[in-house]
Amino acid sequence: MTTLAAPTLSDALARTGEVDLRAFHGFGGLHGGLTTALLLRAMRSAAARALRPVEVTAHLVRPITESPQLDTAIAHTGRALTLASAAATSGERPAAHATAVLAAPLDPRAPGGPAAWAEPRPTDVRPVANAERFAIPPELVPIATRFEIRPATARLPFSAADAPELCAWIRLTDPVEDPWERLLVLADALAPSYAAVLAAPRPVPTVRTSVRFVPEAATTVFDWVLVRATTTHAGADGWLTETIHVWSPDGTTLATASQLRLLV
């Protein structure tokens, strides 16, 4: 297999050559959003080509440090939806498991359809043109070189802020054509929102992520997105629940997500 000298995110997703995954690590292993995108691609490959992802849920149980083995299955195929699953094995040990709800695209404007509603994009944020770039040390998060992050509010990771929330404009500097795969990486590009209230770095790994794509994700042209992550509950046992919203610059909701994290 050909070794790629300067692999991109698209190369990592396509798995067409020997890719050094260390370039795509988050904290300690393969980035969670990229892992979920790999699993989604595998599940979509096993299902009918016309189906689009509605939601994907992944449990990340162990860091992936080498090229994973992916196994897929179709659990259900019906008129309304197809349910697929995928598992990733790294170093001969289970590392991640995902399920996806897939469905045929429907015209949201069809007569008699449900009324659409989405949480509006916040207006009290810095415009992307006025927001300064936030540099993440690549020696800590190697995949950060594939993002450009510009905080849209004053809260920053590990700044002892007044609330566990982070909000930033983010774009990928590596092109990823598939909008759903791109959104999975973007939705997981911020530091954990709970990090905003911490005064010093601590690991807050994701154990479960669940991303819901809206129909507009398939048709909206976007480069920059606004991502807001909020810790909605932090228990005394260290388990955290985080809610994430992703909007296009014109305010179109593209995806919402929920993450289960553990403060280590």
Protein backbone atom coordinates (compact mmCIF):
# COMPACT_ATOMS: atom_id res chain seq x y z
CA MET A 1 0.00 0.00 0.00
CA THR A 2 1.28 3.45 -0.92
CA THR A 3 2.44 5.64 1.96
CA LEU A 4 1.06 9.18 1.71
CA ALA A 5 3.66 11.88 2.45
CA ALA A 6 1.20 14.64 3.41
CA PRO A 7 -2.19 13.04 4.05
CA THR A 8 -5.33 15.16 4.31
CA LEU A 9 -8.58 14.61 6.16
CA SER A 10 -10.04 13.28 2.90
CA ASP A 11 -7.19 10.76 2.67
CA ALA A 12 -7.82 9.63 6.23
CA LEU A 13 -11.52 9.16 5.46
CA ALA A 14 -10.94 7.40 2.14
CA ARG A 15 -8.30 5.01 3.58
CA THR A 16 -6.82 4.66 0.08
CA GLY A 17 -3.19 4.67 1.21
CA GLU A 18 -1.04 4.11 4.26
CA VAL A 19 -1.94 7.09 6.47
CA ASP A 20 -0.07 8.03 9.63
CA LEU A 21 -3.05 8.60 11.91
CA ARG A 22 -0.94 10.50 14.45
CA ALA A 23 -1.50 13.59 12.30
CA PHE A 24 -5.22 13.27 13.03
CA HIS A 25 -5.13 12.69 16.77
CA GLY A 26 -7.08 14.70 19.26
CA PHE A 27 -6.19 14.12 22.92
CA GLY A 28 -4.50 10.71 23.02
CA GLY A 29 -5.95 9.05 19.92
CA LEU A 30 -7.82 9.50 16.67
CA HIS A 31 -10.11 12.54 16.81
CA GLY A 32 -13.62 11.58 17.89
CA GLY A 33 -15.41 13.44 15.11
CA LEU A 34 -13.14 11.86 12.49
CA THR A 35 -13.68 8.42 14.06
CA THR A 36 -17.44 8.90 13.87
CA ALA A 37 -17.15 10.07 10.25
CA LEU A 38 -15.19 6.92 9.37
CA LEU A 39 -17.88 4.78 10.97
CA LEU A 40 -20.65 6.68 9.19
CA ARG A 41 -18.94 6.26 5.81
CA ALA A 42 -18.67 2.51 6.42
CA MET A 43 -22.35 2.26 7.38
CA ARG A 44 -23.51 4.26 4.36
CA SER A 45 -21.41 2.02 2.10
CA ALA A 46 -23.30 -1.00 3.44
CA ALA A 47 -26.73 0.58 2.84
CA ALA A 48 -28.60 1.76 -0.26
CA ARG A 49 -26.77 4.64 -1.95
CA ALA A 50 -29.83 6.91 -2.06
CA LEU A 51 -30.24 6.97 1.72
CA ARG A 52 -29.10 10.00 3.71
CA PRO A 53 -28.00 10.06 7.35
CA VAL A 54 -30.56 11.41 9.81
CA GLU A 55 -28.61 10.69 12.99
CA VAL A 56 -25.44 8.90 13.99
CA THR A 57 -24.49 7.81 17.51
CA ALA A 58 -21.04 6.58 18.43
CA HIS A 59 -19.60 5.21 21.65
CA LEU A 60 -15.85 5.77 21.88
CA VAL A 61 -14.54 3.31 24.42
CA ARG A 62 -10.79 3.26 23.73
CA PRO A 63 -8.33 5.57 21.94
CA ILE A 64 -7.62 4.53 18.35
CA THR A 65 -3.87 4.69 17.80
CA GLU A 66 -3.52 2.65 14.60
CA SER A 67 -5.54 2.09 11.44
CA PRO A 68 -8.81 0.53 12.64
CA GLN A 69 -10.59 -2.50 11.29
CA LEU A 70 -14.19 -1.56 10.46
CA ASP A 71 -17.08 -4.02 10.44
CA THR A 72 -20.63 -3.08 9.45
CA ALA A 73 -24.10 -4.56 9.57
CA ILE A 74 -27.62 -3.57 8.54
CA ALA A 75 -29.92 -4.18 11.50
CA HIS A 76 -33.19 -3.08 9.90
CA THR A 77 -34.51 -1.94 6.53
CA GLY A 78 -38.04 -0.58 6.33
CA ARG A 79 -40.20 1.96 4.54
CA ALA A 80 -39.31 4.82 6.88
CA LEU A 81 -35.72 4.09 7.82
CA THR A 82 -32.69 1.86 7.68
CA LEU A 83 -30.70 1.19 10.83
CA ALA A 84 -27.02 0.39 10.35
CA SER A 85 -24.21 -0.35 12.79
CA ALA A 86 -20.43 -0.32 12.63
CA ALA A 87 -17.62 -1.32 14.95
CA ALA A 88 -13.99 -0.21 14.96
CA THR A 89 -11.22 -2.44 16.28
CA SER A 90 -7.76 -1.03 16.99
CA GLY A 91 -4.88 -3.25 18.01
CA GLU A 92 -7.27 -6.23 18.02
CA ARG A 93 -9.34 -4.55 20.75
CA PRO A 94 -12.83 -2.99 20.42
CA ALA A 95 -12.45 0.79 20.24
CA ALA A 96 -15.72 2.28 18.99
CA HIS A 97 -19.25 1.28 18.07
CA ALA A 98 -21.80 3.33 16.15
CA THR A 99 -25.35 3.18 14.85
CA ALA A 100 -26.90 5.33 12.16
CA VAL A 101 -30.46 6.13 11.17
CA LEU A 102 -30.63 6.45 7.38
CA ALA A 103 -33.63 7.49 5.32
CA ALA A 104 -34.64 8.53 1.82
CA PRO A 105 -34.58 12.30 1.34
CA LEU A 106 -37.98 13.97 1.57
CA ASP A 107 -39.04 17.37 0.35
CA PRO A 108 -39.48 19.43 3.56
CA ARG A 109 -41.81 21.75 1.66
CA ALA A 110 -44.30 18.99 0.82
CA PRO A 111 -47.94 19.91 1.69
CA GLY A 112 -49.09 18.62 5.03
CA GLY A 113 -45.60 18.20 6.41
CA PRO A 114 -44.71 19.12 10.00
CA ALA A 115 -43.88 22.72 10.81
CA ALA A 116 -40.13 23.20 11.03
CA TRP A 117 -38.46 24.89 14.01
CA ALA A 118 -34.84 25.32 15.00
CA GLU A 119 -33.09 27.21 17.79
CA PRO A 120 -31.99 30.52 16.29
CA ARG A 121 -28.34 31.34 15.89
CA PRO A 122 -27.11 33.59 18.74
CA THR A 123 -26.75 37.23 17.78
CA ASP A 124 -24.49 38.37 20.64
CA VAL A 125 -21.35 36.94 19.04
CA ARG A 126 -18.39 38.47 17.26
CA PRO A 127 -18.70 38.41 13.46
CA VAL A 128 -16.24 35.99 11.93
CA ALA A 129 -14.34 38.85 10.28
CA ASN A 130 -13.72 40.46 13.70
CA ALA A 131 -12.86 37.28 15.61
CA GLU A 132 -9.20 36.44 16.20
CA ARG A 133 -7.75 33.04 15.49
CA PHE A 134 -7.25 30.76 18.50
CA ALA A 135 -4.11 28.66 18.11
CA ILE A 136 -4.14 25.17 19.64
CA PRO A 137 -0.66 23.68 20.18
CA PRO A 138 -0.34 20.89 17.59
CA GLU A 139 1.87 18.91 19.96
CA LEU A 140 -1.20 18.57 22.20
CA VAL A 141 -3.87 18.22 19.50
CA PRO A 142 -2.23 17.34 16.14
CA ILE A 143 -5.50 17.50 14.19
CA ALA A 144 -5.89 21.16 15.23
CA THR A 145 -3.72 22.10 12.24
CA ARG A 146 -6.71 21.04 10.08
CA PHE A 147 -9.03 23.62 11.71
CA GLU A 148 -9.24 27.36 11.93
CA ILE A 149 -11.02 28.36 15.15
CA ARG A 150 -12.03 31.92 15.99
CA PRO A 151 -13.76 32.34 19.38
CA ALA A 152 -17.03 34.25 19.02
CA THR A 153 -17.36 35.07 22.75
CA ALA A 154 -14.95 35.93 25.58
CA ARG A 155 -15.03 32.44 27.12
CA LEU A 156 -11.97 30.32 26.36
CA PRO A 157 -10.88 26.82 27.42
CA PHE A 158 -9.32 26.64 30.90
CA SER A 159 -9.98 30.34 31.58
CA ALA A 160 -12.05 29.91 34.79
CA ALA A 161 -15.01 31.47 32.98
CA ASP A 162 -18.41 32.08 34.54
CA ALA A 163 -20.24 29.34 32.62
CA PRO A 164 -19.35 26.01 30.95
CA GLU A 165 -19.96 27.21 27.41
CA LEU A 166 -17.77 27.77 24.35
CA CYS A 167 -18.79 29.37 21.07
CA ALA A 168 -16.59 29.82 18.01
CA TRP A 169 -16.46 30.17 14.27
CA ILE A 170 -14.78 27.11 12.78
CA ARG A 171 -13.80 25.97 9.33
CA LEU A 172 -11.74 23.08 8.03
CA THR A 173 -8.48 23.92 6.27
CA ASP A 174 -8.54 20.45 4.66
CA PRO A 175 -11.38 20.00 2.16
CA VAL A 176 -13.97 17.33 3.02
CA GLU A 177 -16.62 17.12 0.30
CA ASP A 178 -19.23 15.05 2.08
CA PRO A 179 -21.32 17.50 4.16
CA TRP A 180 -22.26 14.99 6.86
CA GLU A 181 -18.67 13.85 7.40
CA ARG A 182 -17.53 17.48 7.46
CA LEU A 183 -20.17 18.34 10.08
CA LEU A 184 -19.12 15.43 12.29
CA VAL A 185 -15.56 16.75 12.39
CA LEU A 186 -16.67 20.37 12.87
CA ALA A 187 -19.14 19.52 15.66
CA ASP A 188 -16.29 17.94 17.63
CA ALA A 189 -13.66 20.59 16.89
CA LEU A 190 -14.13 22.67 20.05
CA ALA A 191 -12.56 21.85 23.36
CA PRO A 192 -15.01 20.39 25.90
CA SER A 193 -17.35 23.20 26.97
CA TYR A 194 -16.74 22.31 30.63
CA ALA A 195 -13.12 23.33 30.07
CA ALA A 196 -14.27 26.97 30.08
CA VAL A 197 -14.84 26.90 33.86
CA LEU A 198 -11.60 25.06 34.63
CA ALA A 199 -8.45 27.00 35.51
CA ALA A 200 -6.00 24.34 34.30
CA PRO A 201 -6.08 21.58 31.67
CA ARG A 202 -7.77 18.30 32.58
CA PRO A 203 -8.88 15.51 30.24
CA VAL A 204 -12.62 15.50 29.52
CA PRO A 205 -12.91 12.70 26.93
CA THR A 206 -16.06 11.94 24.95
CA VAL A 207 -17.63 8.58 25.68
CA ARG A 208 -20.75 8.97 23.53
CA THR A 209 -21.64 11.40 20.77
CA SER A 210 -24.98 11.62 18.99
CA VAL A 211 -25.33 13.97 16.02
CA ARG A 212 -28.65 14.84 14.35
CA PHE A 213 -28.41 16.23 10.82
CA VAL A 214 -31.15 18.50 9.50
CA PRO A 215 -32.29 18.22 5.85
CA GLU A 216 -30.62 21.55 5.01
CA ALA A 217 -27.22 19.96 5.72
CA ALA A 218 -27.40 18.26 2.33
CA THR A 219 -28.02 21.44 0.32
CA THR A 220 -26.49 24.36 2.25
CA VAL A 221 -23.16 25.60 0.91
CA PHE A 222 -20.91 26.46 3.85
CA ASP A 223 -17.28 26.99 4.77
CA TRP A 224 -17.36 28.69 8.17
CA VAL A 225 -19.84 27.46 10.77
CA LEU A 226 -20.73 28.79 14.19
CA VAL A 227 -20.46 26.09 16.85
CA ARG A 228 -21.82 26.54 20.37
CA ALA A 229 -21.21 23.87 23.00
CA THR A 230 -22.82 24.01 26.44
CA THR A 231 -22.49 21.68 29.40
CA THR A 232 -26.09 21.23 30.51
CA HIS A 233 -25.31 18.99 33.49
CA ALA A 234 -22.16 18.04 35.39
CA GLY A 235 -22.54 15.40 38.09
CA ALA A 236 -20.50 14.92 41.24
CA ASP A 237 -19.49 11.55 39.74
CA GLY A 238 -17.59 13.29 36.93
CA TRP A 239 -20.05 12.51 34.12
CA LEU A 240 -21.05 15.50 31.96
CA THR A 241 -23.77 16.10 29.39
CA GLU A 242 -22.98 18.54 26.59
CA THR A 243 -25.26 20.02 23.92
CA ILE A 244 -23.82 21.32 20.64
CA HIS A 245 -25.41 23.43 17.90
CA VAL A 246 -23.92 24.07 14.46
CA TRP A 247 -25.16 26.96 12.29
CA SER A 248 -24.14 28.30 8.90
CA PRO A 249 -23.19 32.01 8.80
CA ASP A 250 -26.70 32.94 7.57
CA GLY A 251 -28.24 31.25 10.62
CA THR A 252 -29.30 27.95 9.05
CA THR A 253 -29.16 25.10 11.56
CA LEU A 254 -27.01 22.31 10.11
CA ALA A 255 -26.72 19.86 13.00
CA THR A 256 -27.31 19.43 16.70
CA ALA A 257 -25.41 17.06 18.94
CA SER A 258 -25.26 15.63 22.43
CA GLN A 259 -22.13 14.30 24.07
CA LEU A 260 -21.53 12.28 27.18
CA ARG A 261 -18.14 13.13 28.67
CA LEU A 262 -16.14 12.10 31.71
CA LEU A 263 -14.00 14.50 33.72
CA VAL A 264 -10.87 12.47 34.44
